Amino acid sequence: MNINKIAIVALAGAMGMSTMAYAGHKGKHAQRFHDYAKVTYVEPVYRTVRINRPEQECWDEERVVERDYRRSDRTAGGIVGGILGGVAGHQVGNGRGKTAATIVGTILGSAIGRDVAAEGARRPSSHVETETVCKTVNRYQEEERLQGYRVGYRYRGHEYDTFMDRHPGKRLKVRVRLDVIE
C-alpha cells in the first residue's frame, strides 16, 4: 500500500471517529464522498528516450564493365573473305590454273575471314559506368518525453503527494472514505 493510501485511510479513520456519534450505529459500512484538496506544487517528470530516425544515403560509384562484343557474324566474315580470296586467286593463275587459283583463294579467304570474325568477337571491350548506390543508415537521437507530474497537495491540514498523467490545475479532486473503528 503506498503512502498516499495510508494517509487517506488514516485521515478517514480520524474523521470516522468524530462522526461515529452521528452514525448512530455500529456496522461495517463505510461512507465515501469526494472533496477537493489544494495543489501545493506540480513538477513535470521527463524520461529520456532514444529514437531511431533512419535516413537513406546515396552516392555515385564508377565501375569498369567488360563486355564481349559478338556483333560480327562469322558467316559474314567467311563470305567477305571468300570473295576477297577468290579475287586474289583469280589474279594469280592463267587458263585452267586461274579457275583452280580462284577456287583455292575463295576457300582460303573464306576460312581466314571466318577466323578473323570469330577472333574479333572474342575480344572483350570495357568501359566505365556510373551507378548510384544507396544504403539506409540508422540515426539515433535522444529526446526528453513527458511521463507525467509529481503533484503535492494539502487536505485538511495534511500534506500528500502523488503521481498523475495530467496536470491537475489548482485543485485536486480526492475521494474520502470514512470507516467506523470499533
Protein backbone atom coordinates (compact mmCIF):
# COMPACT_ATOMS: atom_id res chain seq x y z
CA MET A 1 0.00 0.00 0.00
CA ASN A 2 1.55 3.33 -0.88
CA ILE A 3 1.92 6.26 1.48
CA ASN A 4 -0.93 8.22 -0.13
CA LYS A 5 -3.43 5.47 0.54
CA ILE A 6 -2.20 5.02 4.10
CA ALA A 7 -2.54 8.75 4.75
CA ILE A 8 -6.04 8.87 3.31
CA VAL A 9 -7.13 5.83 5.32
CA ALA A 10 -5.66 7.35 8.50
CA LEU A 11 -7.39 10.66 7.79
CA ALA A 12 -10.60 8.90 7.05
CA GLY A 13 -10.25 6.94 10.28
CA ALA A 14 -9.78 10.11 12.27
CA MET A 15 -12.80 11.68 10.64
CA GLY A 16 -14.73 8.48 11.20
CA MET A 17 -14.21 8.62 14.93
CA SER A 18 -15.53 12.15 15.09
CA THR A 19 -18.60 11.17 13.12
CA MET A 20 -19.23 7.93 14.98
CA ALA A 21 -21.79 9.60 17.19
CA TYR A 22 -23.53 10.84 14.08
CA ALA A 23 -23.57 7.42 12.51
CA GLY A 24 -25.60 6.22 15.46
CA HIS A 25 -24.87 2.55 14.82
CA LYS A 26 -22.08 0.05 14.65
CA GLY A 27 -21.57 -1.51 11.26
CA LYS A 28 -19.16 -2.41 8.57
CA HIS A 29 -20.47 0.10 6.07
CA ALA A 30 -18.05 2.79 5.01
CA GLN A 31 -19.09 6.21 3.86
CA ARG A 32 -17.42 7.61 0.79
CA PHE A 33 -17.52 11.06 -0.75
CA HIS A 34 -15.47 13.39 -2.92
CA ASP A 35 -13.85 16.59 -1.81
CA TYR A 36 -11.21 18.99 -3.13
CA ALA A 37 -7.64 19.47 -1.96
CA LYS A 38 -5.40 22.46 -2.69
CA VAL A 39 -2.49 21.72 -5.04
CA THR A 40 0.76 22.97 -3.48
CA TYR A 41 3.24 22.04 -6.23
CA VAL A 42 3.37 20.43 -9.67
CA GLU A 43 6.65 19.07 -11.01
CA PRO A 44 6.83 17.63 -14.55
CA VAL A 45 8.66 14.29 -14.80
CA TYR A 46 10.59 13.57 -18.00
CA ARG A 47 12.17 10.41 -19.35
CA THR A 48 14.94 10.27 -21.95
CA VAL A 49 14.07 8.07 -24.91
CA ARG A 50 16.28 7.02 -27.82
CA ILE A 51 14.57 7.34 -31.20
CA ASN A 52 15.79 5.84 -34.47
CA ARG A 53 15.35 8.09 -37.49
CA PRO A 54 16.62 6.05 -40.48
CA GLU A 55 17.98 8.04 -43.41
CA GLN A 56 18.97 6.95 -46.88
CA GLU A 57 22.46 7.93 -48.03
CA CYS A 58 23.27 7.77 -51.75
CA TRP A 59 26.46 8.30 -53.74
CA ASP A 60 27.78 7.66 -57.24
CA GLU A 61 30.28 4.86 -57.84
CA GLU A 62 32.25 4.27 -61.01
CA ARG A 63 32.89 0.70 -62.10
CA VAL A 64 34.53 -0.93 -65.09
CA VAL A 65 32.20 -3.09 -67.14
CA GLU A 66 33.64 -5.69 -69.52
CA ARG A 67 31.58 -7.00 -72.37
CA ASP A 68 32.18 -9.48 -75.15
CA TYR A 69 31.10 -7.88 -78.37
CA ARG A 70 29.91 -10.63 -80.67
CA ARG A 71 28.40 -8.35 -83.22
CA SER A 72 30.49 -9.58 -86.09
CA ASP A 73 28.98 -12.60 -87.75
CA ARG A 74 31.33 -15.46 -88.67
CA THR A 75 29.24 -16.21 -91.75
CA ALA A 76 29.57 -12.66 -92.99
CA GLY A 77 33.33 -12.83 -92.33
CA GLY A 78 33.53 -16.06 -94.34
CA ILE A 79 31.64 -14.58 -97.28
CA VAL A 80 33.72 -11.42 -97.40
CA GLY A 81 36.94 -13.45 -97.00
CA GLY A 82 35.83 -15.85 -99.75
CA ILE A 83 35.14 -13.01 -102.17
CA LEU A 84 38.47 -11.34 -101.46
CA GLY A 85 40.32 -14.69 -101.67
CA GLY A 86 38.56 -15.55 -104.95
CA VAL A 87 39.51 -12.19 -106.48
CA ALA A 88 43.10 -12.61 -105.31
CA GLY A 89 43.27 -16.20 -106.67
CA HIS A 90 41.80 -15.11 -109.98
CA GLN A 91 44.62 -12.58 -110.37
CA VAL A 92 47.31 -15.23 -109.85
CA GLY A 93 46.58 -18.07 -112.26
CA ASN A 94 46.28 -18.48 -116.12
CA GLY A 95 43.96 -20.70 -118.05
CA ARG A 96 42.73 -23.71 -116.12
CA GLY A 97 45.06 -22.73 -113.28
CA LYS A 98 43.14 -19.49 -113.00
CA THR A 99 39.96 -21.37 -112.10
CA ALA A 100 41.78 -23.56 -109.60
CA ALA A 101 43.51 -20.49 -108.06
CA THR A 102 40.14 -18.73 -107.80
CA ILE A 103 38.58 -21.77 -106.04
CA VAL A 104 41.53 -22.18 -103.68
CA GLY A 105 41.58 -18.42 -103.00
CA THR A 106 37.85 -18.47 -102.27
CA ILE A 107 38.19 -21.43 -99.85
CA LEU A 108 41.22 -19.99 -98.06
CA GLY A 109 39.74 -16.46 -97.96
CA SER A 110 36.51 -17.82 -96.55
CA ALA A 111 38.34 -19.74 -93.77
CA ILE A 112 40.54 -16.77 -92.93
CA GLY A 113 37.53 -14.39 -92.94
CA ARG A 114 35.61 -16.67 -90.53
CA ASP A 115 38.60 -16.93 -88.19
CA VAL A 116 39.19 -13.17 -88.19
CA ALA A 117 35.50 -12.53 -87.49
CA ALA A 118 35.50 -15.08 -84.64
CA GLU A 119 38.66 -13.63 -83.09
CA GLY A 120 37.22 -10.13 -83.22
CA ALA A 121 34.09 -11.36 -81.49
CA ARG A 122 36.06 -12.81 -78.58
CA ARG A 123 37.87 -9.60 -77.73
CA PRO A 124 36.28 -8.08 -74.67
CA SER A 125 35.57 -4.40 -74.54
CA SER A 126 35.46 -2.43 -71.32
CA HIS A 127 34.02 0.92 -70.37
CA VAL A 128 33.28 2.86 -67.20
CA GLU A 129 29.71 3.18 -65.93
CA THR A 130 28.48 5.40 -63.10
CA GLU A 131 25.96 3.77 -60.79
CA THR A 132 24.05 5.38 -57.91
CA VAL A 133 24.32 3.25 -54.76
CA CYS A 134 22.14 3.81 -51.68
CA LYS A 135 22.02 2.36 -48.18
CA THR A 136 19.92 3.01 -45.09
CA VAL A 137 21.77 4.46 -42.11
CA ASN A 138 20.22 4.47 -38.63
CA ARG A 139 20.46 7.88 -36.95
CA TYR A 140 19.68 7.76 -33.24
CA GLN A 141 18.54 10.83 -31.37
CA GLU A 142 17.69 11.27 -27.71
CA GLU A 143 14.55 13.15 -26.70
CA GLU A 144 13.00 14.13 -23.41
CA ARG A 145 9.41 12.91 -23.18
CA LEU A 146 6.93 13.96 -20.53
CA GLN A 147 5.95 10.98 -18.37
CA GLY A 148 3.57 12.79 -16.03
CA TYR A 149 3.56 15.07 -12.98
CA ARG A 150 4.63 14.74 -9.38
CA VAL A 151 1.89 16.60 -7.51
CA GLY A 152 1.83 17.84 -3.92
CA TYR A 153 -1.48 18.73 -2.27
CA ARG A 154 -2.90 19.73 1.11
CA TYR A 155 -6.08 18.26 2.50
CA ARG A 156 -7.42 19.28 5.94
CA GLY A 157 -4.01 20.50 7.09
CA HIS A 158 -2.04 17.42 5.97
CA GLU A 159 0.46 17.29 3.07
CA TYR A 160 0.34 14.49 0.48
CA ASP A 161 1.91 13.77 -2.86
CA THR A 162 1.05 11.60 -5.81
CA PHE A 163 1.95 10.99 -9.46
CA MET A 164 -0.50 11.93 -12.23
CA ASP A 165 -0.61 11.57 -16.02
CA ARG A 166 -2.02 15.09 -16.50
CA HIS A 167 -1.58 18.50 -14.91
CA PRO A 168 -4.14 18.79 -12.05
CA GLY A 169 -4.69 22.55 -12.03
CA LYS A 170 -5.14 24.48 -8.73
CA ARG A 171 -7.44 21.96 -7.06
CA LEU A 172 -7.38 18.20 -6.95
CA LYS A 173 -10.48 16.06 -6.54
CA VAL A 174 -9.95 13.46 -3.79
CA ARG A 175 -12.04 10.53 -2.63
CA VAL A 176 -12.56 10.35 1.11
CA ARG A 177 -13.66 7.17 2.87
CA LEU A 178 -14.92 7.06 6.42
CA ASP A 179 -14.83 3.79 8.30
CA VAL A 180 -16.13 3.03 11.75
CA ILE A 181 -13.41 1.70 14.00
CA GLU A 182 -14.55 -0.41 16.95
